[in-house]
């Protein structure tokens, strides 16, 4: 499990070594006590390619 260093959006204090994965991103600031949810990208996630399929017209002309 990874630890994260997160800056509090309320007071600006840096909170070190937080286990955000087990709390689903929730943290309580050590300085001001406010509880906030931090949005992070887990390191195990990888981008998924997205393909856009459009209606294509035939490039070949019919033989007569």
PDB file of N, CA and C in Angstrom:
ATOM      1  N   UNK A   1       0.845  -1.169   0.000  1.00  0.00           N
ATOM      2  CA  UNK A   1       0.000   0.000   0.000  1.00  0.00           C
ATOM      3  C   UNK A   1       0.896   1.240   0.000  1.00  0.00           C
ATOM      4  N   UNK A   2       0.546   2.213  -0.782  1.00  0.00           N
ATOM      5  CA  UNK A   2       1.356   3.415  -0.940  1.00  0.00           C
ATOM      6  C   UNK A   2       0.945   4.487   0.058  1.00  0.00           C
ATOM      7  N   UNK A   3       1.902   5.338   0.421  1.00  0.00           N
ATOM      8  CA  UNK A   3       1.605   6.500   1.255  1.00  0.00           C
ATOM      9  C   UNK A   3       1.734   7.750   0.396  1.00  0.00           C
ATOM     10  N   UNK A   4       0.979   8.777   0.754  1.00  0.00           N
ATOM     11  CA  UNK A   4       0.940  10.006  -0.023  1.00  0.00           C
ATOM     12  C   UNK A   4       1.172  11.199   0.882  1.00  0.00           C
ATOM     13  N   UNK A   5       1.790  12.235   0.340  1.00  0.00           N
ATOM     14  CA  UNK A   5       1.935  13.521   1.012  1.00  0.00           C
ATOM     15  C   UNK A   5       0.943  14.469   0.355  1.00  0.00           C
ATOM     16  N   UNK A   6       0.005  14.998   1.159  1.00  0.00           N
ATOM     17  CA  UNK A   6      -1.086  15.804   0.612  1.00  0.00           C
ATOM     18  C   UNK A   6      -1.136  17.145   1.327  1.00  0.00           C
ATOM     19  N   UNK A   7      -1.289  18.208   0.544  1.00  0.00           N
ATOM     20  CA  UNK A   7      -1.431  19.550   1.091  1.00  0.00           C
ATOM     21  C   UNK A   7      -2.907  19.814   1.382  1.00  0.00           C
ATOM     22  N   UNK A   8      -3.203  20.297   2.582  1.00  0.00           N
ATOM     23  CA  UNK A   8      -4.589  20.586   2.974  1.00  0.00           C
ATOM     24  C   UNK A   8      -5.118  21.761   2.153  1.00  0.00           C
ATOM     25  N   UNK A   9      -6.300  21.622   1.528  1.00  0.00           N
ATOM     26  CA  UNK A   9      -6.846  22.727   0.739  1.00  0.00           C
ATOM     27  C   UNK A   9      -7.379  23.870   1.605  1.00  0.00           C
ATOM     28  N   UNK A  10      -7.568  23.642   2.910  1.00  0.00           N
ATOM     29  CA  UNK A  10      -8.104  24.672   3.802  1.00  0.00           C
ATOM     30  C   UNK A  10      -6.987  25.552   4.365  1.00  0.00           C
ATOM     31  N   UNK A  11      -5.988  24.919   5.016  1.00  0.00           N
ATOM     32  CA  UNK A  11      -4.944  25.699   5.693  1.00  0.00           C
ATOM     33  C   UNK A  11      -3.590  25.654   4.994  1.00  0.00           C
ATOM     34  N   UNK A  12      -3.394  24.723   4.061  1.00  0.00           N
ATOM     35  CA  UNK A  12      -2.142  24.651   3.317  1.00  0.00           C
ATOM     36  C   UNK A  12      -1.047  23.831   3.966  1.00  0.00           C
ATOM     37  N   UNK A  13      -1.338  23.159   5.088  1.00  0.00           N
ATOM     38  CA  UNK A  13      -0.338  22.334   5.759  1.00  0.00           C
ATOM     39  C   UNK A  13      -0.108  21.049   4.975  1.00  0.00           C
ATOM     40  N   UNK A  14       1.148  20.621   4.886  1.00  0.00           N
ATOM     41  CA  UNK A  14       1.484  19.375   4.206  1.00  0.00           C
ATOM     42  C   UNK A  14       1.329  18.215   5.185  1.00  0.00           C
ATOM     43  N   UNK A  15       0.423  17.292   4.879  1.00  0.00           N
ATOM     44  CA  UNK A  15       0.199  16.097   5.690  1.00  0.00           C
ATOM     45  C   UNK A  15       0.966  14.956   5.038  1.00  0.00           C
ATOM     46  N   UNK A  16       1.879  14.346   5.784  1.00  0.00           N
ATOM     47  CA  UNK A  16       2.793  13.347   5.226  1.00  0.00           C
ATOM     48  C   UNK A  16       2.376  11.926   5.571  1.00  0.00           C
ATOM     49  N   UNK A  17       2.736  11.008   4.685  1.00  0.00           N
ATOM     50  CA  UNK A  17       2.570   9.557   4.878  1.00  0.00           C
ATOM     51  C   UNK A  17       1.122   9.152   5.154  1.00  0.00           C
ATOM     52  N   UNK A  18       0.216   9.571   4.284  1.00  0.00           N
ATOM     53  CA  UNK A  18      -1.197   9.215   4.438  1.00  0.00           C
ATOM     54  C   UNK A  18      -1.517   7.978   3.603  1.00  0.00           C
ATOM     55  N   UNK A  19      -2.332   7.087   4.149  1.00  0.00           N
ATOM     56  CA  UNK A  19      -2.794   5.896   3.437  1.00  0.00           C
ATOM     57  C   UNK A  19      -4.147   6.212   2.796  1.00  0.00           C
ATOM     58  N   UNK A  20      -4.133   6.890   1.661  1.00  0.00           N
ATOM     59  CA  UNK A  20      -5.372   7.330   1.019  1.00  0.00           C
ATOM     60  C   UNK A  20      -6.139   6.187   0.377  1.00  0.00           C
ATOM     61  N   UNK A  21      -5.467   5.103   0.039  1.00  0.00           N
ATOM     62  CA  UNK A  21      -6.154   3.984  -0.609  1.00  0.00           C
ATOM     63  C   UNK A  21      -7.102   3.276   0.352  1.00  0.00           C
ATOM     64  N   UNK A  22      -6.733   3.151   1.610  1.00  0.00           N
ATOM     65  CA  UNK A  22      -7.606   2.454   2.555  1.00  0.00           C
ATOM     66  C   UNK A  22      -8.759   3.333   3.035  1.00  0.00           C
ATOM     67  N   UNK A  23      -8.637   4.659   2.910  1.00  0.00           N
ATOM     68  CA  UNK A  23      -9.722   5.563   3.310  1.00  0.00           C
ATOM     69  C   UNK A  23     -10.493   6.085   2.107  1.00  0.00           C
ATOM     70  N   UNK A  24     -10.214   5.547   0.921  1.00  0.00           N
ATOM     71  CA  UNK A  24     -10.865   5.962  -0.331  1.00  0.00           C
ATOM     72  C   UNK A  24     -10.658   7.451  -0.617  1.00  0.00           C
ATOM     73  N   UNK A  25      -9.481   7.971  -0.244  1.00  0.00           N
ATOM     74  CA  UNK A  25      -9.139   9.351  -0.547  1.00  0.00           C
ATOM     75  C   UNK A  25      -9.456  10.350   0.549  1.00  0.00           C
ATOM     76  N   UNK A  26     -10.121   9.926   1.618  1.00  0.00           N
ATOM     77  CA  UNK A  26     -10.467  10.846   2.705  1.00  0.00           C
ATOM     78  C   UNK A  26      -9.271  11.055   3.613  1.00  0.00           C
ATOM     79  N   UNK A  27      -9.091  12.304   4.053  1.00  0.00           N
ATOM     80  CA  UNK A  27      -8.016  12.631   4.988  1.00  0.00           C
ATOM     81  C   UNK A  27      -8.490  13.685   5.971  1.00  0.00           C
ATOM     82  N   UNK A  28      -7.910  13.653   7.165  1.00  0.00           N
ATOM     83  CA  UNK A  28      -8.171  14.678   8.169  1.00  0.00           C
ATOM     84  C   UNK A  28      -6.871  15.429   8.386  1.00  0.00           C
ATOM     85  N   UNK A  29      -6.911  16.747   8.247  1.00  0.00           N
ATOM     86  CA  UNK A  29      -5.706  17.557   8.377  1.00  0.00           C
ATOM     87  C   UNK A  29      -5.190  17.498   9.811  1.00  0.00           C
ATOM     88  N   UNK A  30      -3.874  17.308   9.962  1.00  0.00           N
ATOM     89  CA  UNK A  30      -3.261  17.245  11.281  1.00  0.00           C
ATOM     90  C   UNK A  30      -3.234  18.600  11.964  1.00  0.00           C
ATOM     91  N   UNK A  31      -3.301  19.688  11.200  1.00  0.00           N
ATOM     92  CA  UNK A  31      -3.203  21.030  11.759  1.00  0.00           C
ATOM     93  C   UNK A  31      -4.569  21.634  12.094  1.00  0.00           C
ATOM     94  N   UNK A  32      -5.468  21.680  11.103  1.00  0.00           N
ATOM     95  CA  UNK A  32      -6.753  22.359  11.318  1.00  0.00           C
ATOM     96  C   UNK A  32      -7.897  21.403  11.626  1.00  0.00           C
ATOM     97  N   UNK A  33      -7.738  20.100  11.336  1.00  0.00           N
ATOM     98  CA  UNK A  33      -8.764  19.114  11.666  1.00  0.00           C
ATOM     99  C   UNK A  33      -9.876  18.965  10.647  1.00  0.00           C
ATOM    100  N   UNK A  34      -9.837  19.714   9.550  1.00  0.00           N
ATOM    101  CA  UNK A  34     -10.870  19.582   8.524  1.00  0.00           C
ATOM    102  C   UNK A  34     -10.711  18.257   7.786  1.00  0.00           C
ATOM    103  N   UNK A  35     -11.856  17.668   7.424  1.00  0.00           N
ATOM    104  CA  UNK A  35     -11.863  16.413   6.681  1.00  0.00           C
ATOM    105  C   UNK A  35     -12.186  16.713   5.224  1.00  0.00           C
ATOM    106  N   UNK A  36     -11.337  16.256   4.328  1.00  0.00           N
ATOM    107  CA  UNK A  36     -11.544  16.474   2.899  1.00  0.00           C
ATOM    108  C   UNK A  36     -11.244  15.190   2.143  1.00  0.00           C
ATOM    109  N   UNK A  37     -11.785  15.112   0.931  1.00  0.00           N
ATOM    110  CA  UNK A  37     -11.511  13.964   0.073  1.00  0.00           C
ATOM    111  C   UNK A  37     -10.546  14.405  -1.010  1.00  0.00           C
ATOM    112  N   UNK A  38      -9.453  13.693  -1.112  1.00  0.00           N
ATOM    113  CA  UNK A  38      -8.420  14.011  -2.091  1.00  0.00           C
ATOM    114  C   UNK A  38      -8.595  13.120  -3.303  1.00  0.00           C
ATOM    115  N   UNK A  39      -8.636  13.714  -4.494  1.00  0.00           N
ATOM    116  CA  UNK A  39      -8.751  12.952  -5.735  1.00  0.00           C
ATOM    117  C   UNK A  39      -7.348  12.663  -6.247  1.00  0.00           C
ATOM    118  N   UNK A  40      -7.014  11.421  -6.331  1.00  0.00           N
ATOM    119  CA  UNK A  40      -5.701  11.037  -6.824  1.00  0.00           C
ATOM    120  C   UNK A  40      -5.864   9.936  -7.848  1.00  0.00           C
ATOM    121  N   UNK A  41      -4.810   9.727  -8.604  1.00  0.00           N
ATOM    122  CA  UNK A  41      -4.793   8.647  -9.580  1.00  0.00           C
ATOM    123  C   UNK A  41      -3.960   7.516  -9.001  1.00  0.00           C
ATOM    124  N   UNK A  42      -4.597   6.417  -8.762  1.00  0.00           N
ATOM    125  CA  UNK A  42      -3.864   5.274  -8.229  1.00  0.00           C
ATOM    126  C   UNK A  42      -2.809   4.830  -9.231  1.00  0.00           C
ATOM    127  N   UNK A  43      -1.693   4.346  -8.735  1.00  0.00           N
ATOM    128  CA  UNK A  43      -0.594   3.980  -9.612  1.00  0.00           C
ATOM    129  C   UNK A  43      -0.858   2.690 -10.367  1.00  0.00           C
ATOM    130  N   UNK A  44      -1.857   1.932  -9.946  1.00  0.00           N
ATOM    131  CA  UNK A  44      -2.147   0.678 -10.627  1.00  0.00           C
ATOM    132  C   UNK A  44      -3.025   0.881 -11.858  1.00  0.00           C
ATOM    133  N   UNK A  45      -3.664   2.029 -11.965  1.00  0.00           N
ATOM    134  CA  UNK A  45      -4.547   2.281 -13.103  1.00  0.00           C
ATOM    135  C   UNK A  45      -3.725   2.688 -14.319  1.00  0.00           C
ATOM    136  N   UNK A  46      -4.145   2.216 -15.469  1.00  0.00           N
ATOM    137  CA  UNK A  46      -3.501   2.583 -16.718  1.00  0.00           C
ATOM    138  C   UNK A  46      -4.565   3.138 -17.651  1.00  0.00           C
ATOM    139  N   UNK A  47      -4.200   4.079 -18.521  1.00  0.00           N
ATOM    140  CA  UNK A  47      -5.188   4.619 -19.448  1.00  0.00           C
ATOM    141  C   UNK A  47      -5.678   3.551 -20.424  1.00  0.00           C
ATOM    142  N   UNK A  48      -6.946   3.618 -20.714  1.00  0.00           N
ATOM    143  CA  UNK A  48      -7.561   2.676 -21.644  1.00  0.00           C
ATOM    144  C   UNK A  48      -7.755   3.392 -22.978  1.00  0.00           C
ATOM    145  N   UNK A  49      -7.272   2.825 -24.073  1.00  0.00           N
ATOM    146  CA  UNK A  49      -7.473   3.481 -25.361  1.00  0.00           C
ATOM    147  C   UNK A  49      -8.950   3.462 -25.763  1.00  0.00           C
ATOM    148  N   UNK A  50      -9.390   4.567 -26.326  1.00  0.00           N
ATOM    149  CA  UNK A  50     -10.779   4.690 -26.773  1.00  0.00           C
ATOM    150  C   UNK A  50     -10.771   4.833 -28.287  1.00  0.00           C
ATOM    151  N   UNK A  51     -11.519   3.985 -28.947  1.00  0.00           N
ATOM    152  CA  UNK A  51     -11.607   4.018 -30.399  1.00  0.00           C
ATOM    153  C   UNK A  51     -12.971   4.561 -30.797  1.00  0.00           C
ATOM    154  N   UNK A  52     -12.978   5.527 -31.712  1.00  0.00           N
ATOM    155  CA  UNK A  52     -14.217   6.095 -32.219  1.00  0.00           C
ATOM    156  C   UNK A  52     -14.479   5.469 -33.579  1.00  0.00           C
ATOM    157  N   UNK A  53     -15.605   4.780 -33.686  1.00  0.00           N
ATOM    158  CA  UNK A  53     -15.950   4.114 -34.939  1.00  0.00           C
ATOM    159  C   UNK A  53     -17.007   4.955 -35.644  1.00  0.00           C
ATOM    160  N   UNK A  54     -16.698   5.353 -36.854  1.00  0.00           N
ATOM    161  CA  UNK A  54     -17.622   6.169 -37.634  1.00  0.00           C
ATOM    162  C   UNK A  54     -18.081   5.368 -38.841  1.00  0.00           C
ATOM    163  N   UNK A  55     -19.189   5.794 -39.402  1.00  0.00           N
ATOM    164  CA  UNK A  55     -19.663   5.148 -40.624  1.00  0.00           C
ATOM    165  C   UNK A  55     -18.744   5.567 -41.766  1.00  0.00           C
ATOM    166  N   UNK A  56     -18.124   4.590 -42.387  1.00  0.00           N
ATOM    167  CA  UNK A  56     -17.195   4.865 -43.475  1.00  0.00           C
ATOM    168  C   UNK A  56     -17.862   4.592 -44.813  1.00  0.00           C
ATOM    169  N   UNK A  57     -17.527   5.414 -45.789  1.00  0.00           N
ATOM    170  CA  UNK A  57     -18.033   5.200 -47.139  1.00  0.00           C
ATOM    171  C   UNK A  57     -17.051   4.328 -47.896  1.00  0.00           C
ATOM    172  N   UNK A  58     -17.571   3.556 -48.799  1.00  0.00           N
ATOM    173  CA  UNK A  58     -16.724   2.677 -49.597  1.00  0.00           C
ATOM    174  C   UNK A  58     -15.839   3.516 -50.511  1.00  0.00           C
ATOM    175  N   UNK A  59     -14.566   3.186 -50.559  1.00  0.00           N
ATOM    176  CA  UNK A  59     -13.621   3.908 -51.403  1.00  0.00           C
ATOM    177  C   UNK A  59     -13.560   3.310 -52.810  1.00  0.00           C
ATOM    178  N   UNK A  60     -13.952   2.069 -52.949  1.00  0.00           N
ATOM    179  CA  UNK A  60     -13.872   1.399 -54.252  1.00  0.00           C
ATOM    180  C   UNK A  60     -15.124   1.705 -55.070  1.00  0.00           C
ATOM    181  N   UNK A  61     -14.946   1.827 -56.369  1.00  0.00           N
ATOM    182  CA  UNK A  61     -16.091   2.025 -57.252  1.00  0.00           C
ATOM    183  C   UNK A  61     -16.503   0.670 -57.812  1.00  0.00           C
ATOM    184  N   UNK A  62     -17.797   0.420 -57.930  1.00  0.00           N
ATOM    185  CA  UNK A  62     -18.242  -0.880 -58.443  1.00  0.00           C
ATOM    186  C   UNK A  62     -17.849  -1.062 -59.911  1.00  0.00           C
ATOM    187  N   UNK A  63     -17.498  -2.279 -60.288  1.00  0.00           N
ATOM    188  CA  UNK A  63     -17.117  -2.617 -61.663  1.00  0.00           C
ATOM    189  C   UNK A  63     -18.392  -2.855 -62.458  1.00  0.00           C
ATOM    190  N   UNK A  64     -18.501  -2.224 -63.658  1.00  0.00           N
ATOM    191  CA  UNK A  64     -19.703  -2.371 -64.483  1.00  0.00           C
ATOM    192  C   UNK A  64     -19.467  -3.279 -65.632  1.00  0.00           C
TER     193      UNK A  64
END
